[in-house]
Structures are given as structure tokens and as C-alpha cells.
Amino acid sequence: MEPFSAKQTGWIEDPDEALLRLATDDLHPLGWITSASNGTMLCRLGDPADELYAVHKPEVGERPLWDFPDGTLHRREVATFLVSDFLGWDLVPPTVLREGPEGPGSLQLFVPHDPAEHYFALVEDARWHVPLARLAMFDFLTNNADRKGGHVLRRRDTDHLYGIDNGLTFHVEEKIRTVVWDIAHIPFAVAWADDLRRLQQALGPGGPLREALCELLAPVEVDVLAGRAEVVAGLDAVPVIDPEDRHYPWPPL
């Protein structure tokens, strides 16, 4: 495997360029990420001089789950990006659906980051509380069943946070499992609620986002997402819940 550091990879600032390159650049597989619960491959993207990397999650690498339909997790990764992109929140790295080294799957631009700066480190610093609150609101919206601490990344040399590993999302039943429960004192911004109401309209019949999401999710899941947008838009902050009743993922990091 060629030399690689999570801290020192490249990045593409223009999201349209990032999506185009993810869809068309050559992929050079470097190896499997062995810590991942599903098949996850690190690839070099395009010219080695660019130092760009991407994460490929093939359909064939998805382990069967009792509560999610088989072969759908990679599509949920792409759907989560589309929702983030529509909202203008830029919480999910650019992600596309394409043929990869192991067949069809999702391909996401790798985020240069320090692995030590995960959620449990970031939440200790009050300056990250507002962006973490917005990420929590997004996870309530998408019904994220697996927001581990290590799935929250600060992009190197920026104040921008991303949430990765979004395959367990959009279930029609309540599935929220997250580590982000400890910032209930941070109010959700009114502008975020306005964005969710705009999303709700876009998910209705003939809405500009509905068709794209229905190619990735079941129509009933899109309907439930629209309902969740309305509900989450009415929240003032992360709900205050008894610690014994909080739903945490396992392992938490």
C-alpha cells in the first residue's frame, strides 16, 4: 500500500468539480479499511500528484441486517449527501453512486483530518457546540442509526465538521442512535428550521428532490423523511432525555 496519512491528503473546494471527479476519475484501490463493519475500500482518485483519495463502499461488501433491506446501504450514503447538499449545510462529503473496484457502490471524497479530533474531543471545546448541534439536527432528520464519535471529523486546517458513515439512515421506524446528546443547551437556529421546511416542500409530489431520492430509497422512506422534516423543524434543541433512555450506537467511537 502506498504511503497515506489521513492528515495530509488533498481536497476539492468546488463541490461540482468534486462530484464530477468522483464520477469520472480513475480509481486505484489501496486496500480495505479493516476497522469498518461493512466492506470499505480506500482508493486513490485520479492523478497521484493531486493526493486525492476516496472511500468506496460496494454493495457486495454490505453485511445483511435484520432491520434494513439488503443491498441498500450504499444508496443511503448517497441519499444522505443529496439531502445535506439540498439544505446547503455541507455536512456530508461529496458522494456519488458509481462502479468501483468491487462493483457498484458509493464513492465519497476522503476528508483530510486528524483521527484524534473525533466527537468526544470536539465536544469538550465550546466553539464546536453550534456546528455539532446542526449535525445532531441533521441526524434526527435522516434518522441516523449509527452516529459514532469517530464518524464526526474536522476537516484539516478549517472550522468545518463533516459526518461520515451515513449508511444506516432513512428507516421508516424510529432508529436514532447517536453520541450527540450532551449539547441540549445549544438552541437550533431558526434558519435551520426554515431550511427543513423548504426540504419538506421539495419532497412533495413533483418536488425537485423527490425524484432523485426515490431512485435511491423506497418512496415510503421519502414520505417519512418529509414528515420528519416537519417534526424536526419544530425542535428547539437536542431533546433533554434521561441518560438511561438515550440511544447510543455501539461501539460509541
Protein backbone atom coordinates (compact mmCIF):
# COMPACT_ATOMS: atom_id res chain seq x y z
CA MET A 1 0.00 0.00 0.00
CA GLU A 2 1.37 3.42 -0.94
CA PRO A 3 2.15 5.93 1.83
CA PHE A 4 -1.00 7.50 3.23
CA SER A 5 -1.81 9.94 6.03
CA ALA A 6 -5.35 10.99 6.96
CA LYS A 7 -3.93 14.39 7.91
CA GLN A 8 -2.15 15.17 4.65
CA THR A 9 -4.43 14.34 1.73
CA GLY A 10 -5.80 16.78 -0.81
CA TRP A 11 -9.28 18.27 -1.07
CA ILE A 12 -11.51 19.76 -3.79
CA GLU A 13 -13.13 23.04 -2.76
CA ASP A 14 -15.62 23.26 -5.63
CA PRO A 15 -18.40 20.73 -4.89
CA ASP A 16 -19.40 20.44 -8.56
CA GLU A 17 -15.82 19.62 -9.51
CA ALA A 18 -15.63 17.13 -6.67
CA LEU A 19 -18.78 15.32 -7.85
CA LEU A 20 -17.54 15.26 -11.45
CA ARG A 21 -14.18 13.84 -10.48
CA LEU A 22 -15.72 11.26 -8.18
CA ALA A 23 -17.93 10.14 -11.06
CA THR A 24 -15.29 10.05 -13.79
CA ASP A 25 -11.72 9.85 -12.45
CA ASP A 26 -9.85 6.56 -12.45
CA LEU A 27 -9.92 4.71 -9.13
CA HIS A 28 -6.83 2.96 -7.82
CA PRO A 29 -7.68 0.66 -4.89
CA LEU A 30 -5.23 0.84 -1.99
CA GLY A 31 -6.82 -1.64 0.38
CA TRP A 32 -9.72 -2.42 2.67
CA ILE A 33 -10.35 -0.35 5.79
CA THR A 34 -10.36 -3.22 8.26
CA SER A 35 -11.98 -1.31 11.13
CA ALA A 36 -15.20 -0.83 9.14
CA SER A 37 -18.13 -3.15 9.85
CA ASN A 38 -19.01 -3.36 6.14
CA GLY A 39 -16.70 -3.68 3.16
CA THR A 40 -15.00 -0.28 2.81
CA MET A 41 -12.11 0.37 0.44
CA LEU A 42 -9.72 3.30 0.32
CA CYS A 43 -8.91 4.39 -3.25
CA ARG A 44 -6.64 6.95 -4.80
CA LEU A 45 -8.62 9.26 -7.06
CA GLY A 46 -7.12 10.27 -10.41
CA ASP A 47 -3.60 11.68 -10.72
CA PRO A 48 -1.31 10.70 -7.81
CA ALA A 49 0.09 14.25 -7.78
CA ASP A 50 -3.28 15.57 -6.61
CA GLU A 51 -3.13 13.45 -3.42
CA LEU A 52 -6.88 12.88 -3.58
CA TYR A 53 -8.49 9.85 -2.01
CA ALA A 54 -11.99 8.45 -1.88
CA VAL A 55 -13.86 5.84 0.13
CA HIS A 56 -15.62 3.14 -1.88
CA LYS A 57 -18.44 1.18 -0.22
CA PRO A 58 -19.53 -1.57 -2.63
CA GLU A 59 -22.91 -3.23 -2.46
CA VAL A 60 -21.25 -6.64 -2.31
CA GLY A 61 -19.48 -5.67 0.92
CA GLU A 62 -22.65 -4.92 2.85
CA ARG A 63 -23.42 -7.31 5.69
CA PRO A 64 -27.10 -8.33 5.91
CA LEU A 65 -29.04 -6.57 8.66
CA TRP A 66 -32.34 -7.61 10.18
CA ASP A 67 -33.82 -4.11 10.04
CA PHE A 68 -32.51 -2.60 6.79
CA PRO A 69 -33.18 -4.00 3.30
CA ASP A 70 -30.22 -5.88 1.83
CA GLY A 71 -28.01 -4.03 -0.64
CA THR A 72 -29.28 -0.54 0.17
CA LEU A 73 -26.68 0.97 2.50
CA HIS A 74 -24.53 2.47 -0.28
CA ARG A 75 -27.62 4.15 -1.72
CA ARG A 76 -28.42 5.63 1.68
CA GLU A 77 -24.91 7.11 1.77
CA VAL A 78 -25.63 8.95 -1.49
CA ALA A 79 -29.13 9.97 -0.39
CA THR A 80 -27.74 11.49 2.81
CA PHE A 81 -25.34 13.61 0.76
CA LEU A 82 -28.16 14.78 -1.50
CA VAL A 83 -30.22 15.92 1.49
CA SER A 84 -27.25 17.76 3.03
CA ASP A 85 -26.47 19.36 -0.31
CA PHE A 86 -30.06 20.48 -0.86
CA LEU A 87 -30.15 22.07 2.59
CA GLY A 88 -26.87 23.85 1.84
CA TRP A 89 -25.41 22.56 5.11
CA ASP A 90 -22.35 20.78 3.64
CA LEU A 91 -22.35 18.19 6.43
CA VAL A 92 -21.64 15.16 4.22
CA PRO A 93 -18.58 14.97 1.95
CA PRO A 94 -19.35 14.83 -1.80
CA THR A 95 -20.70 11.34 -2.55
CA VAL A 96 -21.77 9.64 -5.78
CA LEU A 97 -23.10 6.30 -6.95
CA ARG A 98 -20.71 4.60 -9.38
CA GLU A 99 -18.98 1.43 -10.45
CA GLY A 100 -15.91 0.82 -8.35
CA PRO A 101 -13.18 -1.80 -7.97
CA GLU A 102 -15.67 -4.19 -6.35
CA GLY A 103 -18.73 -3.36 -8.42
CA PRO A 104 -21.44 -0.73 -7.89
CA GLY A 105 -21.40 1.23 -4.68
CA SER A 106 -20.99 4.67 -3.17
CA LEU A 107 -17.84 6.74 -3.56
CA GLN A 108 -17.14 9.57 -1.12
CA LEU A 109 -14.35 12.12 -1.16
CA PHE A 110 -11.96 11.39 1.69
CA VAL A 111 -11.77 14.15 4.31
CA PRO A 112 -8.24 15.12 5.42
CA HIS A 113 -8.43 15.11 9.21
CA ASP A 114 -6.72 14.27 12.48
CA PRO A 115 -8.26 10.99 13.74
CA ALA A 116 -7.76 12.20 17.32
CA GLU A 117 -10.25 15.04 16.72
CA HIS A 118 -13.42 12.96 16.95
CA TYR A 119 -16.70 13.93 18.61
CA PHE A 120 -15.61 13.18 22.16
CA ALA A 121 -12.63 15.52 21.77
CA LEU A 122 -14.51 18.23 19.89
CA VAL A 123 -17.44 18.42 22.33
CA GLU A 124 -15.04 19.48 25.10
CA ASP A 125 -14.49 22.78 23.24
CA ALA A 126 -17.50 25.13 23.29
CA ARG A 127 -16.66 26.61 19.88
CA TRP A 128 -17.79 23.36 18.26
CA HIS A 129 -21.14 23.18 20.03
CA VAL A 130 -23.15 25.07 17.39
CA PRO A 131 -21.89 23.01 14.42
CA LEU A 132 -22.40 19.85 16.47
CA ALA A 133 -25.96 20.93 17.21
CA ARG A 134 -26.63 21.33 13.50
CA LEU A 135 -25.18 17.88 12.86
CA ALA A 136 -27.48 16.49 15.57
CA MET A 137 -30.46 18.15 13.91
CA PHE A 138 -29.42 16.61 10.60
CA ASP A 139 -29.15 13.16 12.19
CA PHE A 140 -32.63 13.49 13.71
CA LEU A 141 -33.87 14.40 10.23
CA THR A 142 -32.21 11.47 8.46
CA ASN A 143 -32.94 9.07 11.34
CA ASN A 144 -29.28 8.13 11.64
CA ALA A 145 -28.96 4.83 13.49
CA ASP A 146 -25.17 4.88 13.83
CA ARG A 147 -23.65 8.28 14.67
CA LYS A 148 -20.49 7.14 16.41
CA GLY A 149 -17.94 9.57 17.80
CA GLY A 150 -15.41 8.59 15.15
CA HIS A 151 -17.89 9.49 12.41
CA VAL A 152 -17.53 13.20 13.21
CA LEU A 153 -14.48 14.75 11.50
CA ARG A 154 -12.97 18.22 11.46
CA ARG A 155 -11.52 18.93 8.05
CA ARG A 156 -7.83 19.75 8.36
CA ASP A 157 -6.97 23.44 8.79
CA THR A 158 -10.63 24.53 8.74
CA ASP A 159 -13.54 25.05 11.12
CA HIS A 160 -15.70 22.68 9.09
CA LEU A 161 -17.18 19.48 10.52
CA TYR A 162 -18.38 16.52 8.48
CA GLY A 163 -20.44 13.49 9.39
CA ILE A 164 -19.39 10.29 7.61
CA ASP A 165 -20.69 6.70 7.59
CA ASN A 166 -24.31 7.50 6.82
CA GLY A 167 -25.50 4.12 5.56
CA LEU A 168 -27.93 3.42 8.40
CA THR A 169 -30.37 6.20 7.64
CA PHE A 170 -33.92 6.91 6.41
CA HIS A 171 -35.60 3.93 8.09
CA VAL A 172 -39.38 4.32 8.33
CA GLU A 173 -39.27 3.44 12.05
CA GLU A 174 -37.58 5.49 14.75
CA LYS A 175 -33.94 4.32 14.75
CA ILE A 176 -31.91 7.26 16.05
CA ARG A 177 -28.69 6.14 17.74
CA THR A 178 -26.14 8.87 18.32
CA VAL A 179 -23.46 10.01 20.74
CA VAL A 180 -24.53 13.66 20.35
CA TRP A 181 -26.81 14.03 23.38
CA ASP A 182 -24.79 16.36 25.59
CA ILE A 183 -25.44 19.75 23.97
CA ALA A 184 -29.14 20.23 24.73
CA HIS A 185 -28.31 23.76 25.93
CA ILE A 186 -27.43 24.86 22.37
CA PRO A 187 -30.53 26.16 20.53
CA PHE A 188 -31.26 25.16 16.95
CA ALA A 189 -31.13 28.17 14.64
CA VAL A 190 -34.36 29.48 13.13
CA ALA A 191 -32.68 29.39 9.70
CA TRP A 192 -32.13 25.62 10.07
CA ALA A 193 -35.85 25.10 10.66
CA ASP A 194 -36.60 27.22 7.60
CA ASP A 195 -34.28 25.01 5.55
CA LEU A 196 -36.13 21.89 6.77
CA ARG A 197 -39.49 23.36 5.75
CA ARG A 198 -38.03 24.10 2.31
CA LEU A 199 -36.86 20.48 2.17
CA GLN A 200 -40.31 19.25 3.10
CA GLN A 201 -41.81 21.11 0.15
CA ALA A 202 -39.14 19.71 -2.18
CA LEU A 203 -40.07 16.16 -1.15
CA GLY A 204 -43.73 16.54 -2.08
CA PRO A 205 -45.31 15.35 -5.36
CA GLY A 206 -43.32 16.81 -8.24
CA GLY A 207 -40.78 18.28 -5.82
CA PRO A 208 -37.24 18.85 -7.16
CA LEU A 209 -35.61 16.41 -4.73
CA ARG A 210 -38.24 13.69 -4.56
CA GLU A 211 -37.41 12.02 -7.88
CA ALA A 212 -33.68 11.83 -7.13
CA LEU A 213 -34.27 10.34 -3.68
CA CYS A 214 -36.84 7.84 -4.96
CA GLU A 215 -34.12 6.40 -7.20
CA LEU A 216 -32.12 5.63 -4.05
CA LEU A 217 -34.76 4.97 -1.39
CA ALA A 218 -38.21 3.44 -1.24
CA PRO A 219 -40.95 6.03 -1.88
CA VAL A 220 -42.37 5.40 1.59
CA GLU A 221 -38.97 6.28 3.08
CA VAL A 222 -39.05 9.59 1.22
CA ASP A 223 -42.56 10.23 2.54
CA VAL A 224 -41.39 9.55 6.10
CA LEU A 225 -38.41 11.86 5.56
CA ALA A 226 -40.79 14.66 4.60
CA GLY A 227 -42.73 14.06 7.80
CA ARG A 228 -39.57 14.05 9.87
CA ALA A 229 -38.55 17.37 8.30
CA GLU A 230 -41.72 18.91 9.69
CA VAL A 231 -41.23 17.37 13.13
CA VAL A 232 -37.54 18.23 13.47
CA ALA A 233 -38.19 21.79 12.25
CA GLY A 234 -40.30 22.18 15.37
CA LEU A 235 -37.49 21.22 17.77
CA ASP A 236 -35.75 23.97 19.72
CA ALA A 237 -32.62 21.97 20.52
CA VAL A 238 -31.32 18.46 21.10
CA PRO A 239 -34.02 16.86 23.30
CA VAL A 240 -33.26 16.58 27.01
CA ILE A 241 -33.51 12.84 27.67
CA ASP A 242 -32.74 10.79 30.76
CA PRO A 243 -29.26 9.25 30.26
CA GLU A 244 -30.72 5.78 30.76
CA ASP A 245 -33.11 6.34 27.85
CA ARG A 246 -30.63 7.77 25.38
CA HIS A 247 -30.00 5.59 22.34
CA TYR A 248 -26.27 5.19 21.78
CA PRO A 249 -24.52 3.29 18.96
CA TRP A 250 -22.07 0.51 19.75
CA PRO A 251 -19.20 0.91 19.94
CA PRO A 252 -19.59 4.63 20.70
CA LEU A 253 -16.29 5.52 18.97
